[in-house]
PDB file of all heavy atoms in Angstrom:
ATOM      1  N   ASN A   1     -11.990  -0.020 -10.343  1.00  0.00           N
ATOM      2  CA  ASN A   1     -11.762   0.827  -9.148  1.00  0.00           C
ATOM      3  C   ASN A   1     -10.927   0.214  -8.157  1.00  0.00           C
ATOM      4  O   ASN A   1     -11.159   0.255  -6.959  1.00  0.00           O
ATOM      5  CB  ASN A   1     -13.150   1.138  -8.511  1.00  0.00           C
ATOM      6  CG  ASN A   1     -13.910   2.243  -9.189  1.00  0.00           C
ATOM      7  OD1 ASN A   1     -13.634   2.558 -10.405  1.00  0.00           O
ATOM      8  ND2 ASN A   1     -14.812   2.857  -8.546  1.00  0.00           N
ATOM      9  N   THR A   2      -9.746  -0.361  -8.549  1.00  0.00           N
ATOM     10  CA  THR A   2      -8.911  -1.154  -7.738  1.00  0.00           C
ATOM     11  C   THR A   2      -7.479  -0.736  -7.836  1.00  0.00           C
ATOM     12  O   THR A   2      -7.004  -0.524  -8.938  1.00  0.00           O
ATOM     13  CB  THR A   2      -9.074  -2.633  -7.977  1.00  0.00           C
ATOM     14  OG1 THR A   2     -10.458  -3.058  -7.780  1.00  0.00           O
ATOM     15  CG2 THR A   2      -8.256  -3.459  -6.956  1.00  0.00           C
ATOM     16  N   LEU A   3      -6.830  -0.673  -6.629  1.00  0.00           N
ATOM     17  CA  LEU A   3      -5.388  -0.333  -6.604  1.00  0.00           C
ATOM     18  C   LEU A   3      -4.730  -1.604  -6.136  1.00  0.00           C
ATOM     19  O   LEU A   3      -5.228  -2.356  -5.384  1.00  0.00           O
ATOM     20  CB  LEU A   3      -5.211   0.760  -5.603  1.00  0.00           C
ATOM     21  CG  LEU A   3      -3.756   1.143  -5.230  1.00  0.00           C
ATOM     22  CD1 LEU A   3      -3.139   1.907  -6.361  1.00  0.00           C
ATOM     23  CD2 LEU A   3      -3.710   1.999  -3.948  1.00  0.00           C
ATOM     24  N   TYR A   4      -3.467  -1.865  -6.627  1.00  0.00           N
ATOM     25  CA  TYR A   4      -2.754  -3.068  -6.269  1.00  0.00           C
ATOM     26  C   TYR A   4      -1.305  -2.656  -5.809  1.00  0.00           C
ATOM     27  O   TYR A   4      -0.774  -1.597  -6.124  1.00  0.00           O
ATOM     28  CB  TYR A   4      -2.573  -3.999  -7.481  1.00  0.00           C
ATOM     29  CG  TYR A   4      -3.874  -4.451  -8.146  1.00  0.00           C
ATOM     30  CD1 TYR A   4      -4.382  -3.829  -9.212  1.00  0.00           C
ATOM     31  CD2 TYR A   4      -4.585  -5.473  -7.616  1.00  0.00           C
ATOM     32  CE1 TYR A   4      -5.575  -4.185  -9.791  1.00  0.00           C
ATOM     33  CE2 TYR A   4      -5.831  -5.907  -8.094  1.00  0.00           C
ATOM     34  CZ  TYR A   4      -6.261  -5.296  -9.233  1.00  0.00           C
ATOM     35  OH  TYR A   4      -7.476  -5.595  -9.751  1.00  0.00           O
ATOM     36  N   LEU A   5      -0.731  -3.538  -5.057  1.00  0.00           N
ATOM     37  CA  LEU A   5       0.655  -3.437  -4.652  1.00  0.00           C
ATOM     38  C   LEU A   5       1.290  -4.900  -4.749  1.00  0.00           C
ATOM     39  O   LEU A   5       0.900  -5.697  -3.894  1.00  0.00           O
ATOM     40  CB  LEU A   5       0.890  -2.849  -3.283  1.00  0.00           C
ATOM     41  CG  LEU A   5       2.422  -2.603  -2.904  1.00  0.00           C
ATOM     42  CD1 LEU A   5       2.997  -1.500  -3.770  1.00  0.00           C
ATOM     43  CD2 LEU A   5       2.505  -2.219  -1.461  1.00  0.00           C
ATOM     44  N   GLN A   6       2.042  -5.151  -5.722  1.00  0.00           N
ATOM     45  CA  GLN A   6       2.767  -6.438  -5.788  1.00  0.00           C
ATOM     46  C   GLN A   6       4.095  -6.301  -5.040  1.00  0.00           C
ATOM     47  O   GLN A   6       4.858  -5.456  -5.329  1.00  0.00           O
ATOM     48  CB  GLN A   6       3.055  -6.679  -7.242  1.00  0.00           C
ATOM     49  CG  GLN A   6       3.886  -8.055  -7.505  1.00  0.00           C
ATOM     50  CD  GLN A   6       3.059  -9.245  -7.060  1.00  0.00           C
ATOM     51  OE1 GLN A   6       1.936  -9.408  -7.357  1.00  0.00           O
ATOM     52  NE2 GLN A   6       3.700 -10.106  -6.347  1.00  0.00           N
ATOM     53  N   MET A   7       4.262  -7.082  -4.076  1.00  0.00           N
ATOM     54  CA  MET A   7       5.417  -7.111  -3.252  1.00  0.00           C
ATOM     55  C   MET A   7       6.209  -8.377  -3.346  1.00  0.00           C
ATOM     56  O   MET A   7       5.757  -9.497  -2.989  1.00  0.00           O
ATOM     57  CB  MET A   7       4.952  -6.842  -1.722  1.00  0.00           C
ATOM     58  CG  MET A   7       4.187  -5.643  -1.569  1.00  0.00           C
ATOM     59  SD  MET A   7       3.727  -5.325   0.170  1.00  0.00           S
ATOM     60  CE  MET A   7       2.760  -6.822   0.595  1.00  0.00           C
ATOM     61  N   ASN A   8       7.465  -8.268  -3.807  1.00  0.00           N
ATOM     62  CA  ASN A   8       8.316  -9.362  -4.033  1.00  0.00           C
ATOM     63  C   ASN A   8       9.523  -9.268  -3.085  1.00  0.00           C
ATOM     64  O   ASN A   8       9.915  -8.144  -2.650  1.00  0.00           O
ATOM     65  CB  ASN A   8       8.753  -9.446  -5.467  1.00  0.00           C
ATOM     66  CG  ASN A   8       7.556  -9.700  -6.406  1.00  0.00           C
ATOM     67  OD1 ASN A   8       6.646 -10.333  -6.044  1.00  0.00           O
ATOM     68  ND2 ASN A   8       7.729  -9.123  -7.631  1.00  0.00           N
ATOM     69  N   SER A   9      10.286 -10.325  -2.944  1.00  0.00           N
ATOM     70  CA  SER A   9      11.547 -10.289  -2.197  1.00  0.00           C
ATOM     71  C   SER A   9      11.300  -9.639  -0.788  1.00  0.00           C
ATOM     72  O   SER A   9      12.065  -8.808  -0.444  1.00  0.00           O
ATOM     73  CB  SER A   9      12.599  -9.604  -2.907  1.00  0.00           C
ATOM     74  OG  SER A   9      12.865 -10.273  -4.108  1.00  0.00           O
ATOM     75  N   LEU A  10      10.254 -10.029  -0.118  1.00  0.00           N
ATOM     76  CA  LEU A  10       9.873  -9.419   1.092  1.00  0.00           C
ATOM     77  C   LEU A  10      10.912  -9.606   2.201  1.00  0.00           C
ATOM     78  O   LEU A  10      11.571 -10.663   2.227  1.00  0.00           O
ATOM     79  CB  LEU A  10       8.517  -9.826   1.526  1.00  0.00           C
ATOM     80  CG  LEU A  10       7.290  -9.215   0.796  1.00  0.00           C
ATOM     81  CD1 LEU A  10       6.076 -10.057   0.925  1.00  0.00           C
ATOM     82  CD2 LEU A  10       7.102  -7.833   1.341  1.00  0.00           C
ATOM     83  N   LYS A  11      11.082  -8.630   3.049  1.00  0.00           N
ATOM     84  CA  LYS A  11      12.044  -8.637   4.137  1.00  0.00           C
ATOM     85  C   LYS A  11      11.305  -8.419   5.409  1.00  0.00           C
ATOM     86  O   LYS A  11      10.190  -7.828   5.505  1.00  0.00           O
ATOM     87  CB  LYS A  11      13.008  -7.540   3.926  1.00  0.00           C
ATOM     88  CG  LYS A  11      13.822  -7.507   2.670  1.00  0.00           C
ATOM     89  CD  LYS A  11      14.671  -6.347   2.488  1.00  0.00           C
ATOM     90  CE  LYS A  11      15.421  -6.291   1.145  1.00  0.00           C
ATOM     91  NZ  LYS A  11      16.254  -5.092   0.998  1.00  0.00           N
ATOM     92  N   PRO A  12      11.884  -8.902   6.512  1.00  0.00           N
ATOM     93  CA  PRO A  12      11.243  -8.669   7.854  1.00  0.00           C
ATOM     94  C   PRO A  12      10.903  -7.165   8.204  1.00  0.00           C
ATOM     95  O   PRO A  12       9.872  -6.961   8.812  1.00  0.00           O
ATOM     96  CB  PRO A  12      12.276  -9.235   8.800  1.00  0.00           C
ATOM     97  CG  PRO A  12      13.021 -10.282   8.055  1.00  0.00           C
ATOM     98  CD  PRO A  12      13.093  -9.731   6.657  1.00  0.00           C
ATOM     99  N   GLU A  13      11.700  -6.275   7.593  1.00  0.00           N
ATOM    100  CA  GLU A  13      11.464  -4.853   7.899  1.00  0.00           C
ATOM    101  C   GLU A  13      10.334  -4.302   7.047  1.00  0.00           C
ATOM    102  O   GLU A  13       9.816  -3.227   7.192  1.00  0.00           O
ATOM    103  CB  GLU A  13      12.730  -4.018   7.554  1.00  0.00           C
ATOM    104  CG  GLU A  13      13.335  -4.328   6.182  1.00  0.00           C
ATOM    105  CD  GLU A  13      14.503  -5.280   6.306  1.00  0.00           C
ATOM    106  OE1 GLU A  13      14.373  -6.333   7.031  1.00  0.00           O
ATOM    107  OE2 GLU A  13      15.522  -5.068   5.674  1.00  0.00           O
ATOM    108  N   ASP A  14       9.697  -5.108   6.191  1.00  0.00           N
ATOM    109  CA  ASP A  14       8.496  -4.792   5.494  1.00  0.00           C
ATOM    110  C   ASP A  14       7.254  -4.982   6.274  1.00  0.00           C
ATOM    111  O   ASP A  14       6.117  -4.651   5.963  1.00  0.00           O
ATOM    112  CB  ASP A  14       8.339  -5.538   4.143  1.00  0.00           C
ATOM    113  CG  ASP A  14       9.462  -5.181   3.145  1.00  0.00           C
ATOM    114  OD1 ASP A  14       9.837  -3.993   3.066  1.00  0.00           O
ATOM    115  OD2 ASP A  14      10.008  -6.111   2.470  1.00  0.00           O
ATOM    116  N   THR A  15       7.449  -5.701   7.501  1.00  0.00           N
ATOM    117  CA  THR A  15       6.306  -5.952   8.336  1.00  0.00           C
ATOM    118  C   THR A  15       5.645  -4.646   8.804  1.00  0.00           C
ATOM    119  O   THR A  15       6.281  -3.803   9.357  1.00  0.00           O
ATOM    120  CB  THR A  15       6.825  -6.767   9.557  1.00  0.00           C
ATOM    121  OG1 THR A  15       7.234  -8.032   9.152  1.00  0.00           O
ATOM    122  CG2 THR A  15       5.639  -6.973  10.558  1.00  0.00           C
ATOM    123  N   ALA A  16       4.392  -4.535   8.585  1.00  0.00           N
ATOM    124  CA  ALA A  16       3.594  -3.383   8.959  1.00  0.00           C
ATOM    125  C   ALA A  16       2.159  -3.476   8.602  1.00  0.00           C
ATOM    126  O   ALA A  16       1.798  -4.443   7.960  1.00  0.00           O
ATOM    127  CB  ALA A  16       4.165  -2.177   8.167  1.00  0.00           C
ATOM    128  N   VAL A  17       1.333  -2.606   8.986  1.00  0.00           N
ATOM    129  CA  VAL A  17      -0.004  -2.468   8.495  1.00  0.00           C
ATOM    130  C   VAL A  17       0.059  -1.566   7.252  1.00  0.00           C
ATOM    131  O   VAL A  17       0.626  -0.428   7.321  1.00  0.00           O
ATOM    132  CB  VAL A  17      -0.971  -1.882   9.520  1.00  0.00           C
ATOM    133  CG1 VAL A  17      -2.309  -1.803   8.938  1.00  0.00           C
ATOM    134  CG2 VAL A  17      -0.989  -2.797  10.776  1.00  0.00           C
ATOM    135  N   TYR A  18      -0.509  -2.003   6.177  1.00  0.00           N
ATOM    136  CA  TYR A  18      -0.461  -1.325   4.900  1.00  0.00           C
ATOM    137  C   TYR A  18      -1.884  -0.678   4.632  1.00  0.00           C
ATOM    138  O   TYR A  18      -2.925  -1.343   4.770  1.00  0.00           O
ATOM    139  CB  TYR A  18      -0.110  -2.246   3.729  1.00  0.00           C
ATOM    140  CG  TYR A  18       1.385  -2.610   3.791  1.00  0.00           C
ATOM    141  CD1 TYR A  18       1.959  -3.414   4.706  1.00  0.00           C
ATOM    142  CD2 TYR A  18       2.213  -2.074   2.798  1.00  0.00           C
ATOM    143  CE1 TYR A  18       3.255  -3.666   4.668  1.00  0.00           C
ATOM    144  CE2 TYR A  18       3.554  -2.342   2.758  1.00  0.00           C
ATOM    145  CZ  TYR A  18       4.140  -3.140   3.748  1.00  0.00           C
ATOM    146  OH  TYR A  18       5.456  -3.428   3.703  1.00  0.00           O
ATOM    147  N   TYR A  19      -1.846   0.560   4.316  1.00  0.00           N
ATOM    148  CA  TYR A  19      -3.022   1.409   4.124  1.00  0.00           C
ATOM    149  C   TYR A  19      -3.119   1.877   2.671  1.00  0.00           C
ATOM    150  O   TYR A  19      -2.186   2.415   2.092  1.00  0.00           O
ATOM    151  CB  TYR A  19      -3.049   2.532   5.081  1.00  0.00           C
ATOM    152  CG  TYR A  19      -3.117   2.257   6.506  1.00  0.00           C
ATOM    153  CD1 TYR A  19      -1.909   2.026   7.252  1.00  0.00           C
ATOM    154  CD2 TYR A  19      -4.319   2.049   7.151  1.00  0.00           C
ATOM    155  CE1 TYR A  19      -1.890   1.798   8.612  1.00  0.00           C
ATOM    156  CE2 TYR A  19      -4.319   1.709   8.509  1.00  0.00           C
ATOM    157  CZ  TYR A  19      -3.186   1.531   9.215  1.00  0.00           C
ATOM    158  OH  TYR A  19      -3.147   1.271  10.545  1.00  0.00           O
ATOM    159  N   CYS A  20      -4.330   1.792   2.150  1.00  0.00           N
ATOM    160  CA  CYS A  20      -4.665   2.453   0.840  1.00  0.00           C
ATOM    161  C   CYS A  20      -5.055   3.882   1.104  1.00  0.00           C
ATOM    162  O   CYS A  20      -5.817   4.135   2.040  1.00  0.00           O
ATOM    163  CB  CYS A  20      -5.813   1.595   0.266  1.00  0.00           C
ATOM    164  SG  CYS A  20      -6.475   2.227  -1.280  1.00  0.00           S
ATOM    165  N   ASN A  21      -4.678   4.776   0.215  1.00  0.00           N
ATOM    166  CA  ASN A  21      -4.928   6.237   0.302  1.00  0.00           C
ATOM    167  C   ASN A  21      -5.398   6.740  -1.019  1.00  0.00           C
ATOM    168  O   ASN A  21      -4.736   6.420  -2.068  1.00  0.00           O
ATOM    169  CB  ASN A  21      -3.703   6.946   0.834  1.00  0.00           C
ATOM    170  CG  ASN A  21      -3.961   8.414   0.799  1.00  0.00           C
ATOM    171  OD1 ASN A  21      -3.698   9.127  -0.229  1.00  0.00           O
ATOM    172  ND2 ASN A  21      -4.296   9.030   2.008  1.00  0.00           N
ATOM    173  N   ALA A  22      -6.405   7.578  -0.994  1.00  0.00           N
ATOM    174  CA  ALA A  22      -6.886   8.175  -2.273  1.00  0.00           C
ATOM    175  C   ALA A  22      -6.939   9.754  -2.001  1.00  0.00           C
ATOM    176  O   ALA A  22      -7.435  10.177  -1.002  1.00  0.00           O
ATOM    177  CB  ALA A  22      -8.252   7.657  -2.671  1.00  0.00           C
ATOM    178  N   ARG A  23      -6.511  10.558  -3.007  1.00  0.00           N
ATOM    179  CA  ARG A  23      -6.419  11.929  -2.764  1.00  0.00           C
ATOM    180  C   ARG A  23      -6.780  12.664  -4.056  1.00  0.00           C
ATOM    181  O   ARG A  23      -6.228  12.430  -5.165  1.00  0.00           O
ATOM    182  CB  ARG A  23      -5.035  12.388  -2.332  1.00  0.00           C
ATOM    183  CG  ARG A  23      -4.924  13.815  -1.933  1.00  0.00           C
ATOM    184  CD  ARG A  23      -3.677  14.108  -1.248  1.00  0.00           C
ATOM    185  NE  ARG A  23      -2.516  13.814  -2.096  1.00  0.00           N
ATOM    186  CZ  ARG A  23      -1.766  12.784  -1.896  1.00  0.00           C
ATOM    187  NH1 ARG A  23      -1.910  11.918  -0.898  1.00  0.00           N
ATOM    188  NH2 ARG A  23      -0.633  12.573  -2.668  1.00  0.00           N
ATOM    189  N   PHE A  24      -7.855  13.495  -3.969  1.00  0.00           N
ATOM    190  CA  PHE A  24      -8.240  14.370  -5.027  1.00  0.00           C
ATOM    191  C   PHE A  24      -9.211  15.458  -4.484  1.00  0.00           C
ATOM    192  O   PHE A  24     -10.352  15.081  -4.150  1.00  0.00           O
ATOM    193  CB  PHE A  24      -8.893  13.674  -6.227  1.00  0.00           C
ATOM    194  CG  PHE A  24      -9.351  14.574  -7.276  1.00  0.00           C
ATOM    195  CD1 PHE A  24      -8.476  15.224  -8.131  1.00  0.00           C
ATOM    196  CD2 PHE A  24     -10.745  14.840  -7.478  1.00  0.00           C
ATOM    197  CE1 PHE A  24      -8.891  16.072  -9.115  1.00  0.00           C
ATOM    198  CE2 PHE A  24     -11.170  15.722  -8.462  1.00  0.00           C
ATOM    199  CZ  PHE A  24     -10.251  16.355  -9.324  1.00  0.00           C
ATOM    200  N   GLN A  25      -8.699  16.509  -4.106  1.00  0.00           N
ATOM    201  CA  GLN A  25      -9.478  17.523  -3.361  1.00  0.00           C
ATOM    202  C   GLN A  25      -9.621  17.019  -1.909  1.00  0.00           C
ATOM    203  O   GLN A  25      -9.365  17.825  -0.983  1.00  0.00           O
ATOM    204  CB  GLN A  25     -10.831  17.895  -4.049  1.00  0.00           C
ATOM    205  CG  GLN A  25     -10.679  18.528  -5.423  1.00  0.00           C
ATOM    206  CD  GLN A  25     -11.901  18.839  -6.150  1.00  0.00           C
ATOM    207  OE1 GLN A  25     -13.052  18.396  -5.668  1.00  0.00           O
ATOM    208  NE2 GLN A  25     -11.861  19.635  -7.173  1.00  0.00           N
ATOM    209  N   LEU A  26     -10.284  15.968  -1.672  1.00  0.00           N
ATOM    210  CA  LEU A  26     -10.400  15.334  -0.420  1.00  0.00           C
ATOM    211  C   LEU A  26      -9.505  14.074  -0.338  1.00  0.00           C
ATOM    212  O   LEU A  26      -8.920  13.625  -1.395  1.00  0.00           O
ATOM    213  CB  LEU A  26     -11.835  14.914  -0.119  1.00  0.00           C
ATOM    214  CG  LEU A  26     -12.770  16.095  -0.074  1.00  0.00           C
ATOM    215  CD1 LEU A  26     -14.262  15.510   0.150  1.00  0.00           C
ATOM    216  CD2 LEU A  26     -12.545  17.109   1.075  1.00  0.00           C
ATOM    217  N   GLU A  27      -9.282  13.633   0.879  1.00  0.00           N
ATOM    218  CA  GLU A  27      -8.405  12.434   1.093  1.00  0.00           C
ATOM    219  C   GLU A  27      -9.112  11.376   1.877  1.00  0.00           C
ATOM    220  O   GLU A  27      -9.923  11.685   2.834  1.00  0.00           O
ATOM    221  CB  GLU A  27      -7.153  12.899   1.959  1.00  0.00           C
ATOM    222  CG  GLU A  27      -6.048  11.882   2.025  1.00  0.00           C
ATOM    223  CD  GLU A  27      -4.773  12.376   2.610  1.00  0.00           C
ATOM    224  OE1 GLU A  27      -4.920  13.272   3.564  1.00  0.00           O
ATOM    225  OE2 GLU A  27      -3.678  11.882   2.308  1.00  0.00           O
TER     226      GLU A  27
END
């Protein structure tokens, strides 16, 4: 029950708060 995001070659413009989202009928 896990989602991943592998982020390579990161740039300063990638700076942010990252949110996980699930959608199926409801969100």
